Amino acid sequence: PVDWKRLDWSGKAARALQADAIAHGVGTQGYSVPIRGPNGQFA
């Protein structure tokens, strides 16, 4: 699992995405679990 604070948000495109997300109600904190499954599934 990955805490969003540990990811690289320094790029211009990433910062633009982050600002857009917050403007649409996405929170400033995040925690994501990568899950892999059959036939190349990635969730």
All heavy atoms as atom14 arrays in JSON, in Angstrom:
{
  "sequence": "PVDWKRLDWSGKAARALQADAIAHGVGTQGYSVPIRGPNGQFA",
  "atom14_mask": [
    [1, 1, 1, 1, 1, 1, 1, 0, 0, 0, 0, 0, 0, 0],
    [1, 1, 1, 1, 1, 1, 1, 0, 0, 0, 0, 0, 0, 0],
    [1, 1, 1, 1, 1, 1, 1, 1, 0, 0, 0, 0, 0, 0],
    [1, 1, 1, 1, 1, 1, 1, 1, 1, 1, 1, 1, 1, 1],
    [1, 1, 1, 1, 1, 1, 1, 1, 1, 0, 0, 0, 0, 0],
    [1, 1, 1, 1, 1, 1, 1, 1, 1, 1, 1, 0, 0, 0],
    [1, 1, 1, 1, 1, 1, 1, 1, 0, 0, 0, 0, 0, 0],
    [1, 1, 1, 1, 1, 1, 1, 1, 0, 0, 0, 0, 0, 0],
    [1, 1, 1, 1, 1, 1, 1, 1, 1, 1, 1, 1, 1, 1],
    [1, 1, 1, 1, 1, 1, 0, 0, 0, 0, 0, 0, 0, 0],
    [1, 1, 1, 1, 0, 0, 0, 0, 0, 0, 0, 0, 0, 0],
    [1, 1, 1, 1, 1, 1, 1, 1, 1, 0, 0, 0, 0, 0],
    [1, 1, 1, 1, 1, 0, 0, 0, 0, 0, 0, 0, 0, 0],
    [1, 1, 1, 1, 1, 0, 0, 0, 0, 0, 0, 0, 0, 0],
    [1, 1, 1, 1, 1, 1, 1, 1, 1, 1, 1, 0, 0, 0],
    [1, 1, 1, 1, 1, 0, 0, 0, 0, 0, 0, 0, 0, 0],
    [1, 1, 1, 1, 1, 1, 1, 1, 0, 0, 0, 0, 0, 0],
    [1, 1, 1, 1, 1, 1, 1, 1, 1, 0, 0, 0, 0, 0],
    [1, 1, 1, 1, 1, 0, 0, 0, 0, 0, 0, 0, 0, 0],
    [1, 1, 1, 1, 1, 1, 1, 1, 0, 0, 0, 0, 0, 0],
    [1, 1, 1, 1, 1, 0, 0, 0, 0, 0, 0, 0, 0, 0],
    [1, 1, 1, 1, 1, 1, 1, 1, 0, 0, 0, 0, 0, 0],
    [1, 1, 1, 1, 1, 0, 0, 0, 0, 0, 0, 0, 0, 0],
    [1, 1, 1, 1, 1, 1, 1, 1, 1, 1, 0, 0, 0, 0],
    [1, 1, 1, 1, 0, 0, 0, 0, 0, 0, 0, 0, 0, 0],
    [1, 1, 1, 1, 1, 1, 1, 0, 0, 0, 0, 0, 0, 0],
    [1, 1, 1, 1, 0, 0, 0, 0, 0, 0, 0, 0, 0, 0],
    [1, 1, 1, 1, 1, 1, 1, 0, 0, 0, 0, 0, 0, 0],
    [1, 1, 1, 1, 1, 1, 1, 1, 1, 0, 0, 0, 0, 0],
    [1, 1, 1, 1, 0, 0, 0, 0, 0, 0, 0, 0, 0, 0],
    [1, 1, 1, 1, 1, 1, 1, 1, 1, 1, 1, 1, 0, 0],
    [1, 1, 1, 1, 1, 1, 0, 0, 0, 0, 0, 0, 0, 0],
    [1, 1, 1, 1, 1, 1, 1, 0, 0, 0, 0, 0, 0, 0],
    [1, 1, 1, 1, 1, 1, 1, 0, 0, 0, 0, 0, 0, 0],
    [1, 1, 1, 1, 1, 1, 1, 1, 0, 0, 0, 0, 0, 0],
    [1, 1, 1, 1, 1, 1, 1, 1, 1, 1, 1, 0, 0, 0],
    [1, 1, 1, 1, 0, 0, 0, 0, 0, 0, 0, 0, 0, 0],
    [1, 1, 1, 1, 1, 1, 1, 0, 0, 0, 0, 0, 0, 0],
    [1, 1, 1, 1, 1, 1, 1, 1, 0, 0, 0, 0, 0, 0],
    [1, 1, 1, 1, 0, 0, 0, 0, 0, 0, 0, 0, 0, 0],
    [1, 1, 1, 1, 1, 1, 1, 1, 1, 0, 0, 0, 0, 0],
    [1, 1, 1, 1, 1, 1, 1, 1, 1, 1, 1, 0, 0, 0],
    [1, 1, 1, 1, 1, 0, 0, 0, 0, 0, 0, 0, 0, 0]
  ],
  "atom14_positions": [
    [[0.82, -1.22, 0.0], [0.0, 0.0, 0.0], [0.85, 1.27, 0.0], [1.98, 1.29, 0.51], [-0.81, -0.12, 1.29], [-0.88, -1.59, 1.55], [0.45, -2.12, 1.1], [0.0, 0.0, 0.0], [0.0, 0.0, 0.0], [0.0, 0.0, 0.0], [0.0, 0.0, 0.0], [0.0, 0.0, 0.0], [0.0, 0.0, 0.0], [0.0, 0.0, 0.0]],
    [[0.29, 2.32, -0.57], [1.03, 3.56, -0.77], [0.26, 4.75, -0.19], [-0.9, 4.96, -0.52], [1.28, 3.81, -2.27], [2.01, 5.14, -2.47], [2.08, 2.68, -2.87], [0.0, 0.0, 0.0], [0.0, 0.0, 0.0], [0.0, 0.0, 0.0], [0.0, 0.0, 0.0], [0.0, 0.0, 0.0], [0.0, 0.0, 0.0], [0.0, 0.0, 0.0]],
    [[0.94, 5.5, 0.69], [0.39, 6.77, 1.15], [0.74, 7.83, 0.11], [1.89, 7.93, -0.33], [0.98, 7.15, 2.51], [0.25, 8.32, 3.15], [0.21, 9.41, 2.53], [-0.28, 8.16, 4.25], [0.0, 0.0, 0.0], [0.0, 0.0, 0.0], [0.0, 0.0, 0.0], [0.0, 0.0, 0.0], [0.0, 0.0, 0.0], [0.0, 0.0, 0.0]],
    [[-0.25, 8.62, -0.3], [-0.02, 9.58, -1.37], [1.09, 10.58, -1.06], [1.73, 11.1, -1.97], [-1.31, 10.36, -1.65], [-2.37, 9.53, -2.31], [-2.34, 8.19, -2.56], [-3.61, 9.99, -2.81], [-3.49, 7.77, -3.17], [-4.29, 8.86, -3.32], [-4.23, 11.24, -2.85], [-5.57, 8.97, -3.9], [-5.49, 11.34, -3.41], [-6.15, 10.22, -3.94]],
    [[1.34, 10.86, 0.2], [2.39, 11.81, 0.56], [3.77, 11.31, 0.13], [4.71, 12.1, 0.0], [2.38, 12.05, 2.07], [1.16, 12.79, 2.6], [1.13, 14.24, 2.15], [-0.03, 14.99, 2.78], [-0.13, 16.37, 2.31], [0.0, 0.0, 0.0], [0.0, 0.0, 0.0], [0.0, 0.0, 0.0], [0.0, 0.0, 0.0], [0.0, 0.0, 0.0]],
    [[3.91, 10.01, -0.07], [5.21, 9.44, -0.44], [5.43, 9.41, -1.94], [6.48, 8.96, -2.4], [5.34, 8.03, 0.13], [5.2, 8.0, 1.64], [5.48, 6.63, 2.2], [5.38, 6.68, 3.65], [6.13, 5.96, 4.46], [7.05, 5.17, 3.97], [5.97, 6.04, 5.76], [0.0, 0.0, 0.0], [0.0, 0.0, 0.0], [0.0, 0.0, 0.0]],
    [[4.45, 9.86, -2.71], [4.56, 9.85, -4.16], [5.16, 11.16, -4.67], [5.2, 12.15, -3.96], [3.18, 9.62, -4.78], [2.52, 8.29, -4.43], [1.08, 8.26, -4.93], [3.32, 7.12, -5.0], [0.0, 0.0, 0.0], [0.0, 0.0, 0.0], [0.0, 0.0, 0.0], [0.0, 0.0, 0.0], [0.0, 0.0, 0.0], [0.0, 0.0, 0.0]],
    [[5.61, 11.15, -5.9], [6.25, 12.33, -6.5], [5.2, 13.2, -7.18], [4.69, 12.85, -8.26], [7.31, 11.87, -7.51], [8.05, 13.05, -8.13], [7.83, 14.2, -7.68], [8.85, 12.82, -9.05], [0.0, 0.0, 0.0], [0.0, 0.0, 0.0], [0.0, 0.0, 0.0], [0.0, 0.0, 0.0], [0.0, 0.0, 0.0], [0.0, 0.0, 0.0]],
    [[4.87, 14.31, -6.58], [3.9, 15.26, -7.13], [4.61, 16.52, -7.65], [3.96, 17.55, -7.86], [2.88, 15.66, -6.06], [2.05, 14.52, -5.57], [2.33, 13.69, -4.52], [0.8, 14.07, -6.12], [1.33, 12.75, -4.38], [0.39, 12.96, -5.33], [0.0, 14.5, -7.17], [-0.8, 12.27, -5.59], [-1.18, 13.82, -7.43], [-1.57, 12.72, -6.64]],
    [[5.9, 16.43, -7.88], [6.66, 17.63, -8.23], [6.49, 18.06, -9.68], [6.72, 19.23, -10.01], [8.15, 17.4, -7.94], [8.65, 16.33, -8.72], [0.0, 0.0, 0.0], [0.0, 0.0, 0.0], [0.0, 0.0, 0.0], [0.0, 0.0, 0.0], [0.0, 0.0, 0.0], [0.0, 0.0, 0.0], [0.0, 0.0, 0.0], [0.0, 0.0, 0.0]],
    [[6.11, 17.15, -10.57], [5.98, 17.49, -11.98], [4.81, 18.44, -12.24], [3.83, 18.47, -11.5], [0.0, 0.0, 0.0], [0.0, 0.0, 0.0], [0.0, 0.0, 0.0], [0.0, 0.0, 0.0], [0.0, 0.0, 0.0], [0.0, 0.0, 0.0], [0.0, 0.0, 0.0], [0.0, 0.0, 0.0], [0.0, 0.0, 0.0], [0.0, 0.0, 0.0]],
    [[4.92, 19.2, -13.31], [3.87, 20.17, -13.65], [2.54, 19.48, -13.88], [1.49, 19.94, -13.39], [4.29, 20.95, -14.89], [3.29, 22.01, -15.31], [3.79, 22.78, -16.53], [2.77, 23.83, -16.96], [3.24, 24.58, -18.16], [0.0, 0.0, 0.0], [0.0, 0.0, 0.0], [0.0, 0.0, 0.0], [0.0, 0.0, 0.0], [0.0, 0.0, 0.0]],
    [[2.54, 18.37, -14.62], [1.29, 17.66, -14.92], [0.67, 17.08, -13.65], [-0.54, 17.12, -13.47], [1.56, 16.54, -15.94], [0.0, 0.0, 0.0], [0.0, 0.0, 0.0], [0.0, 0.0, 0.0], [0.0, 0.0, 0.0], [0.0, 0.0, 0.0], [0.0, 0.0, 0.0], [0.0, 0.0, 0.0], [0.0, 0.0, 0.0], [0.0, 0.0, 0.0]],
    [[1.52, 16.56, -12.76], [1.02, 15.98, -11.51], [0.42, 17.06, -10.62], [-0.63, 16.85, -9.99], [2.15, 15.26, -10.78], [0.0, 0.0, 0.0], [0.0, 0.0, 0.0], [0.0, 0.0, 0.0], [0.0, 0.0, 0.0], [0.0, 0.0, 0.0], [0.0, 0.0, 0.0], [0.0, 0.0, 0.0], [0.0, 0.0, 0.0], [0.0, 0.0, 0.0]],
    [[1.06, 18.23, -10.56], [0.54, 19.32, -9.74], [-0.8, 19.82, -10.29], [-1.71, 20.15, -9.53], [1.54, 20.47, -9.67], [2.82, 20.13, -8.89], [3.57, 21.4, -8.51], [3.86, 22.24, -9.65], [4.94, 22.13, -10.42], [5.83, 21.19, -10.14], [5.14, 22.95, -11.44], [0.0, 0.0, 0.0], [0.0, 0.0, 0.0], [0.0, 0.0, 0.0]],
    [[-0.91, 19.86, -11.62], [-2.17, 20.29, -12.24], [-3.28, 19.3, -11.94], [-4.42, 19.69, -11.63], [-1.98, 20.44, -13.75], [0.0, 0.0, 0.0], [0.0, 0.0, 0.0], [0.0, 0.0, 0.0], [0.0, 0.0, 0.0], [0.0, 0.0, 0.0], [0.0, 0.0, 0.0], [0.0, 0.0, 0.0], [0.0, 0.0, 0.0], [0.0, 0.0, 0.0]],
    [[-2.96, 18.01, -12.01], [-3.94, 16.98, -11.67], [-4.39, 17.12, -10.21], [-5.59, 17.07, -9.91], [-3.33, 15.59, -11.89], [-4.2, 14.35, -11.69], [-3.6, 13.16, -12.4], [-4.38, 13.99, -10.21], [0.0, 0.0, 0.0], [0.0, 0.0, 0.0], [0.0, 0.0, 0.0], [0.0, 0.0, 0.0], [0.0, 0.0, 0.0], [0.0, 0.0, 0.0]],
    [[-3.43, 17.31, -9.31], [-3.74, 17.43, -7.88], [-4.65, 18.62, -7.61], [-5.64, 18.5, -6.86], [-2.44, 17.56, -7.09], [-2.62, 17.5, -5.58], [-1.29, 17.57, -4.86], [-0.44, 18.41, -5.18], [-1.09, 16.67, -3.92], [0.0, 0.0, 0.0], [0.0, 0.0, 0.0], [0.0, 0.0, 0.0], [0.0, 0.0, 0.0], [0.0, 0.0, 0.0]],
    [[-4.34, 19.76, -8.21], [-5.16, 20.95, -8.0], [-6.57, 20.74, -8.55], [-7.57, 21.14, -7.93], [-4.5, 22.16, -8.68], [0.0, 0.0, 0.0], [0.0, 0.0, 0.0], [0.0, 0.0, 0.0], [0.0, 0.0, 0.0], [0.0, 0.0, 0.0], [0.0, 0.0, 0.0], [0.0, 0.0, 0.0], [0.0, 0.0, 0.0], [0.0, 0.0, 0.0]],
    [[-6.66, 20.11, -9.71], [-7.95, 19.83, -10.33], [-8.76, 18.87, -9.45], [-9.98, 19.04, -9.26], [-7.74, 19.23, -11.71], [-8.94, 19.42, -12.62], [-9.93, 20.02, -12.19], [-8.88, 18.96, -13.77], [0.0, 0.0, 0.0], [0.0, 0.0, 0.0], [0.0, 0.0, 0.0], [0.0, 0.0, 0.0], [0.0, 0.0, 0.0], [0.0, 0.0, 0.0]],
    [[-8.09, 17.86, -8.9], [-8.76, 16.88, -8.05], [-9.34, 17.54, -6.8], [-10.5, 17.31, -6.43], [-7.79, 15.77, -7.66], [0.0, 0.0, 0.0], [0.0, 0.0, 0.0], [0.0, 0.0, 0.0], [0.0, 0.0, 0.0], [0.0, 0.0, 0.0], [0.0, 0.0, 0.0], [0.0, 0.0, 0.0], [0.0, 0.0, 0.0], [0.0, 0.0, 0.0]],
    [[-8.54, 18.37, -6.16], [-9.0, 19.06, -4.94], [-10.19, 19.96, -5.26], [-11.16, 20.04, -4.49], [-7.85, 19.85, -4.3], [-6.79, 18.88, -3.75], [-8.36, 20.76, -3.19], [-5.52, 19.55, -3.26], [0.0, 0.0, 0.0], [0.0, 0.0, 0.0], [0.0, 0.0, 0.0], [0.0, 0.0, 0.0], [0.0, 0.0, 0.0], [0.0, 0.0, 0.0]],
    [[-10.14, 20.62, -6.42], [-11.25, 21.49, -6.83], [-12.53, 20.7, -7.06], [-13.63, 21.25, -6.95], [-10.87, 22.24, -8.11], [0.0, 0.0, 0.0], [0.0, 0.0, 0.0], [0.0, 0.0, 0.0], [0.0, 0.0, 0.0], [0.0, 0.0, 0.0], [0.0, 0.0, 0.0], [0.0, 0.0, 0.0], [0.0, 0.0, 0.0], [0.0, 0.0, 0.0]],
    [[-12.4, 19.4, -7.35], [-13.56, 18.53, -7.58], [-13.91, 17.71, -6.33], [-14.66, 16.74, -6.41], [-13.3, 17.59, -8.75], [-13.48, 18.25, -10.1], [-12.51, 19.03, -10.67], [-14.54, 18.25, -10.95], [-12.95, 19.48, -11.84], [-14.17, 19.02, -12.03], [0.0, 0.0, 0.0], [0.0, 0.0, 0.0], [0.0, 0.0, 0.0], [0.0, 0.0, 0.0]],
    [[-13.36, 18.09, -5.17], [-13.76, 17.46, -3.93], [-12.93, 16.28, -3.48], [-13.28, 15.62, -2.49], [0.0, 0.0, 0.0], [0.0, 0.0, 0.0], [0.0, 0.0, 0.0], [0.0, 0.0, 0.0], [0.0, 0.0, 0.0], [0.0, 0.0, 0.0], [0.0, 0.0, 0.0], [0.0, 0.0, 0.0], [0.0, 0.0, 0.0], [0.0, 0.0, 0.0]],
    [[-11.84, 15.99, -4.18], [-10.95, 14.91, -3.75], [-10.11, 15.42, -2.58], [-9.6, 16.54, -2.62], [-10.04, 14.45, -4.91], [-9.06, 13.37, -4.44], [-10.89, 13.94, -6.07], [0.0, 0.0, 0.0], [0.0, 0.0, 0.0], [0.0, 0.0, 0.0], [0.0, 0.0, 0.0], [0.0, 0.0, 0.0], [0.0, 0.0, 0.0], [0.0, 0.0, 0.0]],
    [[-9.97, 14.6, -1.54], [-9.26, 15.03, -0.35], [-7.77, 15.21, -0.55], [-7.18, 14.73, -1.52], [0.0, 0.0, 0.0], [0.0, 0.0, 0.0], [0.0, 0.0, 0.0], [0.0, 0.0, 0.0], [0.0, 0.0, 0.0], [0.0, 0.0, 0.0], [0.0, 0.0, 0.0], [0.0, 0.0, 0.0], [0.0, 0.0, 0.0], [0.0, 0.0, 0.0]],
    [[-7.14, 15.87, 0.39], [-5.7, 16.13, 0.32], [-4.87, 14.94, 0.77], [-3.68, 14.88, 0.49], [-5.35, 17.34, 1.19], [-5.79, 17.1, 2.54], [-6.02, 18.6, 0.67], [0.0, 0.0, 0.0], [0.0, 0.0, 0.0], [0.0, 0.0, 0.0], [0.0, 0.0, 0.0], [0.0, 0.0, 0.0], [0.0, 0.0, 0.0], [0.0, 0.0, 0.0]],
    [[-5.48, 14.0, 1.49], [-4.79, 12.81, 1.96], [-5.32, 11.59, 1.2], [-6.5, 11.53, 0.86], [-5.01, 12.59, 3.46], [-4.67, 13.76, 4.35], [-3.18, 13.92, 4.57], [-2.36, 13.13, 4.09], [-2.79, 14.94, 5.33], [0.0, 0.0, 0.0], [0.0, 0.0, 0.0], [0.0, 0.0, 0.0], [0.0, 0.0, 0.0], [0.0, 0.0, 0.0]],
    [[-4.44, 10.63, 0.96], [-4.88, 9.43, 0.26], [-4.03, 8.23, 0.6], [-2.86, 8.36, 0.98], [0.0, 0.0, 0.0], [0.0, 0.0, 0.0], [0.0, 0.0, 0.0], [0.0, 0.0, 0.0], [0.0, 0.0, 0.0], [0.0, 0.0, 0.0], [0.0, 0.0, 0.0], [0.0, 0.0, 0.0], [0.0, 0.0, 0.0], [0.0, 0.0, 0.0]],
    [[-4.63, 7.05, 0.48], [-3.94, 5.79, 0.75], [-4.5, 4.77, -0.23], [-5.72, 4.54, -0.28], [-4.21, 5.37, 2.18], [-3.47, 4.14, 2.66], [-2.15, 4.21, 3.08], [-4.11, 2.91, 2.73], [-1.48, 3.1, 3.55], [-3.45, 1.78, 3.19], [-2.14, 1.88, 3.6], [-1.48, 0.76, 4.07], [0.0, 0.0, 0.0], [0.0, 0.0, 0.0]],
    [[-3.65, 4.18, -1.06], [-4.1, 3.27, -2.11], [-3.44, 1.91, -1.99], [-2.23, 1.81, -1.73], [-3.8, 3.85, -3.49], [-4.53, 5.05, -3.7], [0.0, 0.0, 0.0], [0.0, 0.0, 0.0], [0.0, 0.0, 0.0], [0.0, 0.0, 0.0], [0.0, 0.0, 0.0], [0.0, 0.0, 0.0], [0.0, 0.0, 0.0], [0.0, 0.0, 0.0]],
    [[-4.24, 0.87, -2.18], [-3.75, -0.51, -2.17], [-3.7, -1.02, -3.6], [-4.74, -1.12, -4.26], [-4.68, -1.42, -1.35], [-4.18, -2.86, -1.39], [-4.78, -0.93, 0.08], [0.0, 0.0, 0.0], [0.0, 0.0, 0.0], [0.0, 0.0, 0.0], [0.0, 0.0, 0.0], [0.0, 0.0, 0.0], [0.0, 0.0, 0.0], [0.0, 0.0, 0.0]],
    [[-2.51, -1.34, -4.13], [-2.42, -1.96, -5.46], [-2.78, -3.44, -5.36], [-2.33, -4.14, -4.45], [-0.95, -1.75, -5.85], [-0.21, -1.64, -4.55], [-1.19, -1.07, -3.54], [0.0, 0.0, 0.0], [0.0, 0.0, 0.0], [0.0, 0.0, 0.0], [0.0, 0.0, 0.0], [0.0, 0.0, 0.0], [0.0, 0.0, 0.0], [0.0, 0.0, 0.0]],
    [[-3.61, -3.9, -6.26], [-4.05, -5.3, -6.25], [-3.85, -5.88, -7.64], [-4.32, -5.32, -8.64], [-5.53, -5.43, -5.86], [-5.82, -4.65, -4.57], [-5.92, -6.89, -5.69], [-7.29, -4.53, -4.25], [0.0, 0.0, 0.0], [0.0, 0.0, 0.0], [0.0, 0.0, 0.0], [0.0, 0.0, 0.0], [0.0, 0.0, 0.0], [0.0, 0.0, 0.0]],
    [[-3.16, -7.01, -7.72], [-2.93, -7.67, -9.0], [-3.68, -8.99, -9.04], [-3.78, -9.69, -8.04], [-1.43, -7.88, -9.22], [-0.71, -6.58, -9.53], [0.79, -6.7, -9.43], [1.44, -5.5, -9.91], [1.54, -4.36, -9.21], [1.05, -4.3, -7.99], [2.13, -3.3, -9.73], [0.0, 0.0, 0.0], [0.0, 0.0, 0.0], [0.0, 0.0, 0.0]],
    [[-4.21, -9.29, -10.23], [-5.0, -10.5, -10.38], [-4.71, -11.2, -11.69], [-3.72, -10.92, -12.36], [0.0, 0.0, 0.0], [0.0, 0.0, 0.0], [0.0, 0.0, 0.0], [0.0, 0.0, 0.0], [0.0, 0.0, 0.0], [0.0, 0.0, 0.0], [0.0, 0.0, 0.0], [0.0, 0.0, 0.0], [0.0, 0.0, 0.0], [0.0, 0.0, 0.0]],
    [[-5.61, -12.11, -12.1], [-5.39, -12.9, -13.31], [-5.41, -12.08, -14.58], [-6.02, -11.01, -14.64], [-6.57, -13.89, -13.28], [-7.62, -13.18, -12.51], [-6.89, -12.41, -11.46], [0.0, 0.0, 0.0], [0.0, 0.0, 0.0], [0.0, 0.0, 0.0], [0.0, 0.0, 0.0], [0.0, 0.0, 0.0], [0.0, 0.0, 0.0], [0.0, 0.0, 0.0]],
    [[-4.73, -12.59, -15.61], [-4.74, -11.96, -16.94], [-4.27, -10.52, -16.93], [-4.76, -9.68, -17.67], [-6.14, -12.04, -17.56], [-6.68, -13.44, -17.59], [-5.93, -14.39, -17.79], [-7.98, -13.6, -17.39], [0.0, 0.0, 0.0], [0.0, 0.0, 0.0], [0.0, 0.0, 0.0], [0.0, 0.0, 0.0], [0.0, 0.0, 0.0], [0.0, 0.0, 0.0]],
    [[-3.33, -10.21, -16.04], [-2.77, -8.86, -16.01], [-3.61, -7.84, -15.29], [-3.4, -6.64, -15.45], [0.0, 0.0, 0.0], [0.0, 0.0, 0.0], [0.0, 0.0, 0.0], [0.0, 0.0, 0.0], [0.0, 0.0, 0.0], [0.0, 0.0, 0.0], [0.0, 0.0, 0.0], [0.0, 0.0, 0.0], [0.0, 0.0, 0.0], [0.0, 0.0, 0.0]],
    [[-4.59, -8.29, -14.5], [-5.44, -7.33, -13.8], [-4.63, -6.47, -12.84], [-3.76, -6.96, -12.13], [-6.53, -8.06, -13.0], [-7.52, -7.1, -12.38], [-7.94, -7.51, -10.97], [-7.29, -8.32, -10.32], [-9.02, -6.92, -10.5], [0.0, 0.0, 0.0], [0.0, 0.0, 0.0], [0.0, 0.0, 0.0], [0.0, 0.0, 0.0], [0.0, 0.0, 0.0]],
    [[-4.91, -5.17, -12.88], [-4.28, -4.23, -11.95], [-5.35, -3.29, -11.45], [-5.97, -2.57, -12.23], [-3.16, -3.45, -12.64], [-2.59, -2.32, -11.81], [-2.07, -2.57, -10.56], [-2.59, -1.02, -12.29], [-1.55, -1.53, -9.79], [-2.07, 0.02, -11.54], [-1.55, -0.24, -10.28], [0.0, 0.0, 0.0], [0.0, 0.0, 0.0], [0.0, 0.0, 0.0]],
    [[-5.61, -3.33, -10.15], [-6.66, -2.49, -9.58], [-6.1, -1.72, -8.38], [-5.08, -2.1, -7.8], [-7.85, -3.35, -9.15], [0.0, 0.0, 0.0], [0.0, 0.0, 0.0], [0.0, 0.0, 0.0], [0.0, 0.0, 0.0], [0.0, 0.0, 0.0], [0.0, 0.0, 0.0], [0.0, 0.0, 0.0], [0.0, 0.0, 0.0], [0.0, 0.0, 0.0]]
  ]
}
